[in-house]
């Protein structure tokens, strides 16, 4: 009898310790996926004036989302274009996942963007105007862990527009320094 009671208590202690350790591991995994990643295209705001912004989903392979969660992506020189009524992003560089194996992804492949049909037709109608382009401005992960891209319909700036922007930024910085 005493041996049976001892075994029950011992089994109870072991199962609770395993449960606590597993629960803490699952919490770490939960916080790992909900960590927000945001990768900005800083050059785009300098070179273009944004007319309208949209948020789009992006079709990715397993190792690509893992590399994005590590922050290994770059939006420099990337752009969007239409092909057969669908929107694609080109030159988005997602580095190779270090823990990946033989089936790792190609870093600069074309990726499909996911938007509503209404949004796609609206963007296509605006692209008829001369001088407009679609630029990705931000790559981020949503609360549910999905990768999203913020795209903007943009028009290129002239050099004097860029100089004016630099002057206003400098003036704002000086004013902030004086008032602090």
C-alpha atoms as a PDB file:
ATOM      1  CA  UNK A   1       0.000   0.000   0.000  1.00  0.00           C
ATOM      2  CA  UNK A   2       2.665   2.495   0.930  1.00  0.00           C
ATOM      3  CA  UNK A   3       4.597   1.700  -2.229  1.00  0.00           C
ATOM      4  CA  UNK A   4       1.502   2.356  -4.334  1.00  0.00           C
ATOM      5  CA  UNK A   5       0.911   5.722  -2.604  1.00  0.00           C
ATOM      6  CA  UNK A   6       4.572   6.640  -3.083  1.00  0.00           C
ATOM      7  CA  UNK A   7       4.399   5.862  -6.825  1.00  0.00           C
ATOM      8  CA  UNK A   8       1.233   7.961  -7.225  1.00  0.00           C
ATOM      9  CA  UNK A   9       2.833  10.969  -5.545  1.00  0.00           C
ATOM     10  CA  UNK A  10       6.010  10.560  -7.556  1.00  0.00           C
ATOM     11  CA  UNK A  11       4.049  10.322 -10.820  1.00  0.00           C
ATOM     12  CA  UNK A  12       2.021  13.415  -9.895  1.00  0.00           C
ATOM     13  CA  UNK A  13       5.179  15.426  -9.209  1.00  0.00           C
ATOM     14  CA  UNK A  14       6.784  14.370 -12.502  1.00  0.00           C
ATOM     15  CA  UNK A  15       3.686  15.145 -14.605  1.00  0.00           C
ATOM     16  CA  UNK A  16       3.252  18.609 -13.077  1.00  0.00           C
ATOM     17  CA  UNK A  17       6.908  19.469 -13.670  1.00  0.00           C
ATOM     18  CA  UNK A  18       6.632  18.285 -17.296  1.00  0.00           C
ATOM     19  CA  UNK A  19       3.428  20.297 -17.743  1.00  0.00           C
ATOM     20  CA  UNK A  20       5.040  23.456 -16.355  1.00  0.00           C
ATOM     21  CA  UNK A  21       8.098  23.099 -18.591  1.00  0.00           C
ATOM     22  CA  UNK A  22       5.960  22.425 -21.678  1.00  0.00           C
ATOM     23  CA  UNK A  23       3.671  25.339 -20.872  1.00  0.00           C
ATOM     24  CA  UNK A  24       6.634  27.700 -20.630  1.00  0.00           C
ATOM     25  CA  UNK A  25       7.961  26.416 -23.957  1.00  0.00           C
ATOM     26  CA  UNK A  26       4.596  26.984 -25.624  1.00  0.00           C
ATOM     27  CA  UNK A  27       4.456  30.524 -24.224  1.00  0.00           C
ATOM     28  CA  UNK A  28       7.887  31.211 -25.724  1.00  0.00           C
ATOM     29  CA  UNK A  29       6.682  29.932 -29.074  1.00  0.00           C
ATOM     30  CA  UNK A  30       3.544  32.099 -28.833  1.00  0.00           C
ATOM     31  CA  UNK A  31       5.528  35.257 -28.156  1.00  0.00           C
ATOM     32  CA  UNK A  32       7.990  34.342 -30.893  1.00  0.00           C
ATOM     33  CA  UNK A  33       5.270  34.338 -33.557  1.00  0.00           C
ATOM     34  CA  UNK A  34       3.483  37.431 -32.276  1.00  0.00           C
ATOM     35  CA  UNK A  35       6.668  39.502 -32.267  1.00  0.00           C
ATOM     36  CA  UNK A  36       6.160  42.298 -34.768  1.00  0.00           C
ATOM     37  CA  UNK A  37       8.681  42.712 -37.526  1.00  0.00           C
ATOM     38  CA  UNK A  38       8.672  45.832 -39.681  1.00  0.00           C
ATOM     39  CA  UNK A  39      11.143  46.458 -42.469  1.00  0.00           C
ATOM     40  CA  UNK A  40      10.897  49.915 -44.064  1.00  0.00           C
ATOM     41  CA  UNK A  41      11.872  51.187 -47.480  1.00  0.00           C
ATOM     42  CA  UNK A  42      13.366  54.525 -46.399  1.00  0.00           C
ATOM     43  CA  UNK A  43      14.639  55.404 -49.830  1.00  0.00           C
ATOM     44  CA  UNK A  44      11.124  55.277 -51.297  1.00  0.00           C
ATOM     45  CA  UNK A  45       9.876  58.254 -49.285  1.00  0.00           C
ATOM     46  CA  UNK A  46      12.877  60.272 -50.460  1.00  0.00           C
ATOM     47  CA  UNK A  47      12.493  59.407 -54.154  1.00  0.00           C
ATOM     48  CA  UNK A  48       8.688  59.337 -54.468  1.00  0.00           C
ATOM     49  CA  UNK A  49       5.571  61.154 -53.292  1.00  0.00           C
ATOM     50  CA  UNK A  50       2.930  58.697 -52.148  1.00  0.00           C
ATOM     51  CA  UNK A  51      -0.562  59.185 -53.543  1.00  0.00           C
ATOM     52  CA  UNK A  52      -2.416  56.242 -52.003  1.00  0.00           C
ATOM     53  CA  UNK A  53      -1.414  53.307 -49.768  1.00  0.00           C
ATOM     54  CA  UNK A  54      -2.719  49.735 -49.575  1.00  0.00           C
ATOM     55  CA  UNK A  55      -1.952  46.720 -47.400  1.00  0.00           C
ATOM     56  CA  UNK A  56      -1.511  43.427 -49.239  1.00  0.00           C
ATOM     57  CA  UNK A  57      -0.794  39.868 -48.234  1.00  0.00           C
ATOM     58  CA  UNK A  58       2.127  38.078 -49.828  1.00  0.00           C
ATOM     59  CA  UNK A  59       2.483  34.475 -50.989  1.00  0.00           C
ATOM     60  CA  UNK A  60       5.584  32.952 -49.361  1.00  0.00           C
ATOM     61  CA  UNK A  61       7.350  29.610 -48.975  1.00  0.00           C
ATOM     62  CA  UNK A  62       8.055  28.233 -45.470  1.00  0.00           C
ATOM     63  CA  UNK A  63      11.694  29.264 -45.298  1.00  0.00           C
ATOM     64  CA  UNK A  64      10.849  32.781 -46.516  1.00  0.00           C
ATOM     65  CA  UNK A  65       8.533  33.562 -43.592  1.00  0.00           C
ATOM     66  CA  UNK A  66      11.150  32.215 -41.197  1.00  0.00           C
ATOM     67  CA  UNK A  67      13.790  34.519 -42.704  1.00  0.00           C
ATOM     68  CA  UNK A  68      11.385  37.494 -42.467  1.00  0.00           C
ATOM     69  CA  UNK A  69      10.784  36.738 -38.792  1.00  0.00           C
ATOM     70  CA  UNK A  70      14.555  36.942 -38.328  1.00  0.00           C
ATOM     71  CA  UNK A  71      14.485  40.354 -40.063  1.00  0.00           C
ATOM     72  CA  UNK A  72      16.499  39.270 -43.089  1.00  0.00           C
ATOM     73  CA  UNK A  73      14.677  41.077 -45.892  1.00  0.00           C
ATOM     74  CA  UNK A  74      15.296  44.192 -47.958  1.00  0.00           C
ATOM     75  CA  UNK A  75      12.851  46.348 -49.925  1.00  0.00           C
ATOM     76  CA  UNK A  76      15.536  48.374 -51.709  1.00  0.00           C
ATOM     77  CA  UNK A  77      14.989  48.558 -55.512  1.00  0.00           C
ATOM     78  CA  UNK A  78      11.811  46.482 -55.326  1.00  0.00           C
ATOM     79  CA  UNK A  79       8.701  47.370 -57.307  1.00  0.00           C
ATOM     80  CA  UNK A  80       5.276  45.951 -58.179  1.00  0.00           C
ATOM     81  CA  UNK A  81       3.724  45.255 -61.563  1.00  0.00           C
ATOM     82  CA  UNK A  82       0.613  43.667 -63.065  1.00  0.00           C
ATOM     83  CA  UNK A  83       0.658  40.389 -64.985  1.00  0.00           C
ATOM     84  CA  UNK A  84      -2.588  38.801 -66.191  1.00  0.00           C
ATOM     85  CA  UNK A  85      -4.652  40.932 -63.810  1.00  0.00           C
ATOM     86  CA  UNK A  86      -2.615  39.907 -60.745  1.00  0.00           C
ATOM     87  CA  UNK A  87      -0.148  42.033 -58.805  1.00  0.00           C
ATOM     88  CA  UNK A  88       3.419  40.772 -58.330  1.00  0.00           C
ATOM     89  CA  UNK A  89       6.399  42.161 -56.449  1.00  0.00           C
ATOM     90  CA  UNK A  90       9.843  41.944 -58.012  1.00  0.00           C
ATOM     91  CA  UNK A  91      13.359  42.350 -56.533  1.00  0.00           C
ATOM     92  CA  UNK A  92      12.182  41.871 -52.944  1.00  0.00           C
ATOM     93  CA  UNK A  93      15.282  40.324 -51.386  1.00  0.00           C
ATOM     94  CA  UNK A  94      14.558  37.788 -48.635  1.00  0.00           C
ATOM     95  CA  UNK A  95      17.865  36.249 -47.574  1.00  0.00           C
ATOM     96  CA  UNK A  96      18.332  32.502 -47.442  1.00  0.00           C
ATOM     97  CA  UNK A  97      17.221  30.950 -44.156  1.00  0.00           C
ATOM     98  CA  UNK A  98      20.325  29.666 -42.371  1.00  0.00           C
ATOM     99  CA  UNK A  99      18.560  26.657 -40.834  1.00  0.00           C
ATOM    100  CA  UNK A 100      17.018  25.718 -44.192  1.00  0.00           C
ATOM    101  CA  UNK A 101      17.969  22.604 -46.092  1.00  0.00           C
ATOM    102  CA  UNK A 102      18.003  21.538 -49.741  1.00  0.00           C
ATOM    103  CA  UNK A 103      14.579  23.112 -50.358  1.00  0.00           C
ATOM    104  CA  UNK A 104      15.575  26.647 -49.391  1.00  0.00           C
ATOM    105  CA  UNK A 105      14.020  29.481 -51.406  1.00  0.00           C
ATOM    106  CA  UNK A 106      15.500  31.700 -54.113  1.00  0.00           C
ATOM    107  CA  UNK A 107      16.228  35.135 -52.532  1.00  0.00           C
ATOM    108  CA  UNK A 108      14.942  37.477 -55.270  1.00  0.00           C
ATOM    109  CA  UNK A 109      12.109  35.536 -56.907  1.00  0.00           C
ATOM    110  CA  UNK A 110       8.840  37.172 -57.951  1.00  0.00           C
ATOM    111  CA  UNK A 111       6.104  36.919 -55.305  1.00  0.00           C
ATOM    112  CA  UNK A 112       2.375  37.309 -55.734  1.00  0.00           C
ATOM    113  CA  UNK A 113       0.550  39.975 -53.718  1.00  0.00           C
ATOM    114  CA  UNK A 114      -2.924  39.280 -52.358  1.00  0.00           C
ATOM    115  CA  UNK A 115      -5.507  42.058 -52.700  1.00  0.00           C
ATOM    116  CA  UNK A 116      -9.272  42.209 -53.246  1.00  0.00           C
ATOM    117  CA  UNK A 117     -10.428  42.282 -56.835  1.00  0.00           C
ATOM    118  CA  UNK A 118     -11.919  45.756 -56.285  1.00  0.00           C
ATOM    119  CA  UNK A 119      -8.586  47.073 -55.017  1.00  0.00           C
ATOM    120  CA  UNK A 120      -6.737  45.518 -57.944  1.00  0.00           C
ATOM    121  CA  UNK A 121      -9.045  47.145 -60.513  1.00  0.00           C
ATOM    122  CA  UNK A 122      -8.797  50.483 -58.704  1.00  0.00           C
ATOM    123  CA  UNK A 123      -4.992  50.335 -58.773  1.00  0.00           C
ATOM    124  CA  UNK A 124      -4.954  49.278 -62.438  1.00  0.00           C
ATOM    125  CA  UNK A 125      -7.142  52.248 -63.388  1.00  0.00           C
ATOM    126  CA  UNK A 126      -4.789  54.639 -61.572  1.00  0.00           C
ATOM    127  CA  UNK A 127      -1.734  53.144 -63.268  1.00  0.00           C
ATOM    128  CA  UNK A 128      -2.978  54.424 -66.645  1.00  0.00           C
ATOM    129  CA  UNK A 129      -1.711  57.894 -65.665  1.00  0.00           C
ATOM    130  CA  UNK A 130       1.791  58.606 -66.875  1.00  0.00           C
ATOM    131  CA  UNK A 131       4.589  58.688 -64.318  1.00  0.00           C
ATOM    132  CA  UNK A 132       2.924  56.574 -61.616  1.00  0.00           C
ATOM    133  CA  UNK A 133       4.431  53.410 -60.172  1.00  0.00           C
ATOM    134  CA  UNK A 134       3.703  50.955 -57.361  1.00  0.00           C
ATOM    135  CA  UNK A 135       6.349  50.874 -54.633  1.00  0.00           C
ATOM    136  CA  UNK A 136       6.489  48.643 -51.525  1.00  0.00           C
ATOM    137  CA  UNK A 137       7.019  50.873 -48.493  1.00  0.00           C
ATOM    138  CA  UNK A 138       6.821  48.490 -45.525  1.00  0.00           C
ATOM    139  CA  UNK A 139       7.116  44.748 -44.919  1.00  0.00           C
ATOM    140  CA  UNK A 140       5.655  43.642 -41.592  1.00  0.00           C
ATOM    141  CA  UNK A 141       4.050  40.734 -39.754  1.00  0.00           C
ATOM    142  CA  UNK A 142       0.477  40.998 -38.569  1.00  0.00           C
ATOM    143  CA  UNK A 143      -0.834  40.025 -35.129  1.00  0.00           C
ATOM    144  CA  UNK A 144      -1.634  36.544 -36.421  1.00  0.00           C
ATOM    145  CA  UNK A 145       1.912  36.069 -37.761  1.00  0.00           C
ATOM    146  CA  UNK A 146       1.233  36.566 -41.477  1.00  0.00           C
ATOM    147  CA  UNK A 147       3.601  38.643 -43.598  1.00  0.00           C
ATOM    148  CA  UNK A 148       2.036  41.765 -45.130  1.00  0.00           C
ATOM    149  CA  UNK A 149       3.354  44.403 -47.506  1.00  0.00           C
ATOM    150  CA  UNK A 150       2.272  48.032 -47.532  1.00  0.00           C
ATOM    151  CA  UNK A 151       2.358  49.277 -51.105  1.00  0.00           C
ATOM    152  CA  UNK A 152       1.901  52.818 -52.366  1.00  0.00           C
ATOM    153  CA  UNK A 153       0.939  54.327 -55.670  1.00  0.00           C
ATOM    154  CA  UNK A 154       3.711  56.861 -56.105  1.00  0.00           C
ATOM    155  CA  UNK A 155       5.000  59.539 -58.418  1.00  0.00           C
ATOM    156  CA  UNK A 156       8.718  60.248 -58.813  1.00  0.00           C
ATOM    157  CA  UNK A 157      10.130  63.445 -57.291  1.00  0.00           C
ATOM    158  CA  UNK A 158      12.270  65.924 -59.158  1.00  0.00           C
ATOM    159  CA  UNK A 159      15.625  66.968 -57.710  1.00  0.00           C
ATOM    160  CA  UNK A 160      14.308  70.329 -56.525  1.00  0.00           C
ATOM    161  CA  UNK A 161      11.483  68.543 -54.660  1.00  0.00           C
ATOM    162  CA  UNK A 162      14.082  66.415 -52.893  1.00  0.00           C
ATOM    163  CA  UNK A 163      16.030  69.529 -51.915  1.00  0.00           C
ATOM    164  CA  UNK A 164      12.894  71.162 -50.526  1.00  0.00           C
ATOM    165  CA  UNK A 165      12.161  68.072 -48.444  1.00  0.00           C
ATOM    166  CA  UNK A 166      15.694  68.091 -47.037  1.00  0.00           C
ATOM    167  CA  UNK A 167      15.387  71.789 -46.133  1.00  0.00           C
ATOM    168  CA  UNK A 168      12.094  71.274 -44.293  1.00  0.00           C
ATOM    169  CA  UNK A 169      13.524  68.278 -42.401  1.00  0.00           C
ATOM    170  CA  UNK A 170      16.553  70.316 -41.341  1.00  0.00           C
ATOM    171  CA  UNK A 171      14.350  73.210 -40.191  1.00  0.00           C
ATOM    172  CA  UNK A 172      12.153  70.862 -38.179  1.00  0.00           C
ATOM    173  CA  UNK A 173      15.206  69.321 -36.515  1.00  0.00           C
ATOM    174  CA  UNK A 174      16.565  72.743 -35.587  1.00  0.00           C
ATOM    175  CA  UNK A 175      13.224  73.809 -34.153  1.00  0.00           C
ATOM    176  CA  UNK A 176      12.982  70.622 -32.096  1.00  0.00           C
ATOM    177  CA  UNK A 177      16.493  71.193 -30.707  1.00  0.00           C
ATOM    178  CA  UNK A 178      15.728  74.781 -29.737  1.00  0.00           C
ATOM    179  CA  UNK A 179      12.462  73.954 -27.986  1.00  0.00           C
ATOM    180  CA  UNK A 180      13.891  71.059 -25.966  1.00  0.00           C
END
